[in-house]
N, C-alpha and C. Protein backbone atom coordinates (compact mmCIF):
# COMPACT_ATOMS: atom_id res chain seq x y z
N MET A 1 135.78 95.88 101.48
CA MET A 1 135.03 96.61 100.86
C MET A 1 133.77 95.32 100.21
N VAL A 2 134.11 94.55 99.89
CA VAL A 2 133.46 93.20 99.53
C VAL A 2 132.75 92.82 100.78
N MET A 3 133.29 92.75 101.71
CA MET A 3 132.87 92.37 103.14
C MET A 3 131.16 93.51 103.45
N THR A 4 131.45 94.62 103.42
CA THR A 4 130.89 95.38 103.82
C THR A 4 129.48 95.49 102.68
N ALA A 5 129.97 95.59 101.41
CA ALA A 5 128.89 95.16 100.47
C ALA A 5 128.10 94.08 100.61
N SER A 6 128.48 92.75 100.95
CA SER A 6 127.59 91.59 101.52
C SER A 6 127.07 92.21 102.95
N ILE A 7 127.84 92.50 103.32
CA ILE A 7 126.66 92.89 104.58
C ILE A 7 125.32 93.88 104.47
N MET A 8 125.73 94.89 103.62
CA MET A 8 124.66 95.65 103.10
C MET A 8 123.61 94.94 102.81
N LEU A 9 124.27 94.06 101.93
CA LEU A 9 122.77 93.16 101.11
C LEU A 9 122.17 92.40 101.58
N PHE A 10 122.54 91.76 102.85
CA PHE A 10 121.98 91.19 103.73
C PHE A 10 120.82 91.81 105.13
N ILE A 11 121.60 92.78 105.18
CA ILE A 11 120.72 93.18 105.54
C ILE A 11 119.25 94.34 104.77
N VAL A 12 119.12 94.63 103.26
CA VAL A 12 118.65 94.90 102.75
C VAL A 12 117.26 93.62 102.46
N LEU A 13 117.73 92.14 102.62
CA LEU A 13 117.17 91.47 102.30
C LEU A 13 116.67 91.06 103.62
N ILE A 14 117.34 90.91 105.13
CA ILE A 14 116.71 90.58 105.87
C ILE A 14 115.28 91.98 105.92
N PHE A 15 115.50 93.05 105.52
CA PHE A 15 114.32 94.38 105.90
C PHE A 15 113.59 93.63 104.90
N MET A 16 113.33 93.57 103.85
CA MET A 16 112.70 93.23 102.47
C MET A 16 112.04 92.30 103.00
N VAL A 17 112.03 90.60 104.33
CA VAL A 17 111.36 90.17 104.57
C VAL A 17 110.63 90.20 105.32
N ILE A 18 110.94 91.03 106.01
CA ILE A 18 110.33 91.73 107.51
C ILE A 18 109.02 92.34 106.82
N VAL A 19 109.43 92.77 105.96
CA VAL A 19 108.78 94.33 105.00
C VAL A 19 106.83 92.93 104.58
N LEU A 20 107.82 92.12 104.00
CA LEU A 20 106.83 90.84 103.01
C LEU A 20 106.04 90.86 104.00
N CYS A 21 106.64 90.19 105.43
CA CYS A 21 105.65 88.89 106.71
C CYS A 21 104.76 90.03 107.07
N PHE A 22 105.31 91.38 107.26
CA PHE A 22 104.27 92.59 108.19
C PHE A 22 102.98 93.10 107.08
N LEU A 23 103.44 92.51 105.51
CA LEU A 23 101.98 93.28 104.52
C LEU A 23 101.23 92.28 104.12
N SER A 24 101.64 90.92 104.80
CA SER A 24 100.65 89.73 104.49
C SER A 24 100.03 89.58 105.86
N MET A 25 100.82 89.52 107.22
CA MET A 25 99.89 89.94 108.30
C MET A 25 98.72 90.81 108.18
N SER A 26 99.00 92.02 107.00
CA SER A 26 98.03 92.48 107.80
C SER A 26 96.72 92.43 106.61
N GLU A 27 96.87 91.84 105.88
CA GLU A 27 95.79 91.41 104.60
C GLU A 27 95.51 90.21 105.00
N LYS A 28 95.82 89.27 106.07
CA LYS A 28 95.49 88.61 106.90
C LYS A 28 93.97 88.85 108.05
N LYS A 29 94.57 89.93 108.53
CA LYS A 29 93.54 91.01 109.43
C LYS A 29 92.65 91.57 108.79
N SER A 30 92.76 92.22 107.94
CA SER A 30 92.00 92.58 106.87
C SER A 30 90.48 91.44 106.50
N LYS A 31 91.27 90.66 105.89
CA LYS A 31 90.32 89.99 105.11
C LYS A 31 89.50 88.80 106.64
N SER A 32 90.15 88.88 107.87
CA SER A 32 89.39 88.63 109.62
C SER A 32 88.57 89.13 109.06
N LYS A 33 88.62 91.05 109.54
CA LYS A 33 87.94 91.63 109.99
C LYS A 33 86.28 91.84 108.75
N GLU A 34 87.01 91.40 107.54
CA GLU A 34 86.16 91.70 106.58
C GLU A 34 84.64 90.41 106.66
N ILE A 35 85.02 89.24 107.05
CA ILE A 35 84.39 87.65 107.40
C ILE A 35 83.37 88.52 108.90
N ILE A 36 84.10 88.74 110.21
CA ILE A 36 83.52 89.09 110.88
C ILE A 36 82.59 90.38 110.65
N LEU A 37 82.89 91.62 109.45
CA LEU A 37 81.69 92.25 109.43
C LEU A 37 80.51 91.62 108.32
N THR A 38 80.89 90.72 107.81
CA THR A 38 79.61 90.18 106.63
C THR A 38 78.93 89.71 107.83
N ASP A 39 79.59 88.40 108.83
CA ASP A 39 78.86 87.78 109.80
C ASP A 39 77.40 88.69 110.24
N ASN A 40 78.14 89.61 111.14
CA ASN A 40 77.41 90.89 111.68
C ASN A 40 76.43 91.16 110.67
N LEU A 41 76.68 91.97 109.87
CA LEU A 41 75.55 92.46 108.52
C LEU A 41 74.33 91.54 108.37
N ILE A 42 74.80 89.88 107.68
CA ILE A 42 73.95 88.64 108.05
C ILE A 42 72.83 88.46 109.56
N LYS A 43 73.87 88.93 110.79
CA LYS A 43 72.96 88.65 111.24
C LYS A 43 72.33 89.90 112.19
N ASN A 44 72.18 90.76 111.38
CA ASN A 44 71.72 92.03 111.25
C ASN A 44 70.50 92.19 110.88
N ASP A 45 70.88 91.45 109.30
CA ASP A 45 68.92 91.38 108.53
C ASP A 45 68.61 90.28 108.66
N TYR A 46 69.01 88.67 109.38
CA TYR A 46 68.29 87.76 110.13
C TYR A 46 67.20 88.48 110.78
N MET A 47 67.51 89.69 111.81
CA MET A 47 66.78 90.14 112.97
C MET A 47 65.89 91.39 112.69
N PHE A 48 65.77 91.75 111.12
CA PHE A 48 65.04 92.77 110.71
C PHE A 48 64.46 92.15 109.83
N ASN A 49 64.67 91.83 108.85
CA ASN A 49 64.50 91.14 107.22
C ASN A 49 63.68 90.37 107.43
N VAL A 50 62.19 90.18 107.78
CA VAL A 50 61.49 88.70 107.95
C VAL A 50 61.54 87.95 106.84
N ASN A 51 61.81 88.26 105.51
CA ASN A 51 61.63 87.30 103.92
C ASN A 51 63.14 86.35 104.42
N PHE A 52 64.19 87.61 104.48
CA PHE A 52 65.58 86.11 104.86
C PHE A 52 65.89 85.55 106.34
N ARG A 53 64.50 86.10 107.27
CA ARG A 53 64.37 84.91 108.56
C ARG A 53 63.94 83.82 108.13
N LYS A 54 63.04 83.84 107.43
CA LYS A 54 61.95 82.87 106.96
C LYS A 54 63.00 82.24 106.16
N TYR A 55 63.50 82.10 105.68
CA TYR A 55 64.27 81.59 104.42
C TYR A 55 65.66 81.05 104.71
N VAL A 56 66.26 81.43 106.34
CA VAL A 56 67.31 80.96 106.55
C VAL A 56 66.37 79.87 107.49
N ASN A 57 65.45 80.19 108.12
CA ASN A 57 64.76 78.74 108.77
C ASN A 57 64.65 78.25 108.26
N GLU A 58 64.08 78.15 107.32
CA GLU A 58 63.50 76.89 106.60
C GLU A 58 65.14 76.28 105.68
N TYR A 59 66.50 76.87 105.67
CA TYR A 59 66.77 76.17 105.29
C TYR A 59 67.92 75.22 106.84
N CYS A 60 67.48 75.74 107.88
CA CYS A 60 68.22 75.09 108.75
C CYS A 60 67.33 74.16 109.06
N ALA A 61 66.04 73.87 108.91
CA ALA A 61 64.98 72.79 108.81
C ALA A 61 65.19 71.73 108.06
N ASN A 62 65.22 72.50 106.82
CA ASN A 62 65.71 71.28 105.71
C ASN A 62 66.79 70.30 105.79
N ASN A 63 67.76 71.60 106.30
CA ASN A 63 69.14 70.81 106.06
C ASN A 63 70.18 70.33 107.91
N LYS A 64 69.03 70.73 108.54
CA LYS A 64 69.04 70.18 110.20
C LYS A 64 70.58 71.18 110.73
N CYS A 65 70.65 72.42 110.37
CA CYS A 65 71.54 72.79 111.18
C CYS A 65 70.83 73.97 111.53
N THR A 66 72.18 74.86 112.60
CA THR A 66 72.17 75.58 113.78
C THR A 66 71.85 77.35 112.50
N PHE A 67 71.58 78.01 113.31
CA PHE A 67 71.41 79.92 112.47
C PHE A 67 73.65 79.37 112.51
N GLU A 68 74.16 79.32 112.80
CA GLU A 68 75.60 79.61 112.99
C GLU A 68 76.38 78.96 112.24
N ASP A 69 75.73 77.91 111.90
CA ASP A 69 75.98 76.91 111.01
C ASP A 69 75.96 76.75 109.47
N ALA A 70 74.61 77.70 109.56
CA ALA A 70 74.28 77.86 108.29
C ALA A 70 74.78 79.37 107.87
N LEU A 71 75.40 80.61 108.80
CA LEU A 71 75.60 81.08 108.05
C LEU A 71 77.07 81.20 107.41
N LYS A 72 77.93 80.53 107.41
CA LYS A 72 78.96 79.69 106.94
C LYS A 72 78.52 79.05 106.08
N LYS A 73 77.11 78.54 105.06
CA LYS A 73 77.18 78.09 103.98
C LYS A 73 77.19 79.29 103.18
N GLU A 74 77.90 79.25 102.03
CA GLU A 74 77.69 80.02 100.66
C GLU A 74 76.08 80.27 100.50
N GLU A 75 75.13 78.83 100.19
CA GLU A 75 74.11 79.83 99.79
C GLU A 75 73.28 80.76 101.00
N ILE A 76 73.83 80.29 102.37
CA ILE A 76 72.75 81.46 102.77
C ILE A 76 73.31 82.83 102.18
N LYS A 77 75.21 82.97 102.31
CA LYS A 77 75.14 84.73 101.84
C LYS A 77 75.01 84.42 100.50
N GLN A 78 74.98 84.21 99.96
CA GLN A 78 73.97 84.44 98.22
C GLN A 78 72.68 84.80 98.64
N ALA A 79 71.61 83.80 99.56
CA ALA A 79 70.86 84.60 100.08
C ALA A 79 70.69 85.77 100.57
N PHE A 80 71.54 86.42 101.28
CA PHE A 80 71.61 87.71 101.29
C PHE A 80 71.25 88.60 100.62
N ARG A 81 72.67 88.43 100.59
CA ARG A 81 72.83 88.88 98.92
C ARG A 81 71.59 89.35 98.45
N ARG A 82 71.05 88.82 97.58
CA ARG A 82 69.79 88.90 97.24
C ARG A 82 68.55 89.47 98.08
N HIS A 83 68.99 89.34 99.14
CA HIS A 83 67.72 90.04 99.87
C HIS A 83 67.81 91.61 100.32
N THR A 84 69.17 91.64 100.30
CA THR A 84 69.26 93.08 99.92
C THR A 84 69.72 93.59 99.13
N GLU A 85 69.68 93.28 98.31
CA GLU A 85 69.69 94.28 96.81
C GLU A 85 68.39 95.36 96.83
N VAL A 86 69.18 96.33 96.43
CA VAL A 86 68.04 97.78 96.26
C VAL A 86 67.36 97.39 94.65
């Protein structure tokens, strides 16, 4: 009887570990989707928003970086939020 209880406890613990691993993986996937979505939104705004495009081009010229590098900078993300506020 003691052996059966310890086996059941072991199985429950293994199940909990598997569930926790699955949840942490799904959180990482959702964060990566958010990042991709944000990058796509910034690129789209760069294509169609003249003021934001000017800002990014000036930033790239002043900091001697490419558009892709600028996308990773927090300053550009904040400028994107400012330029897209309604």
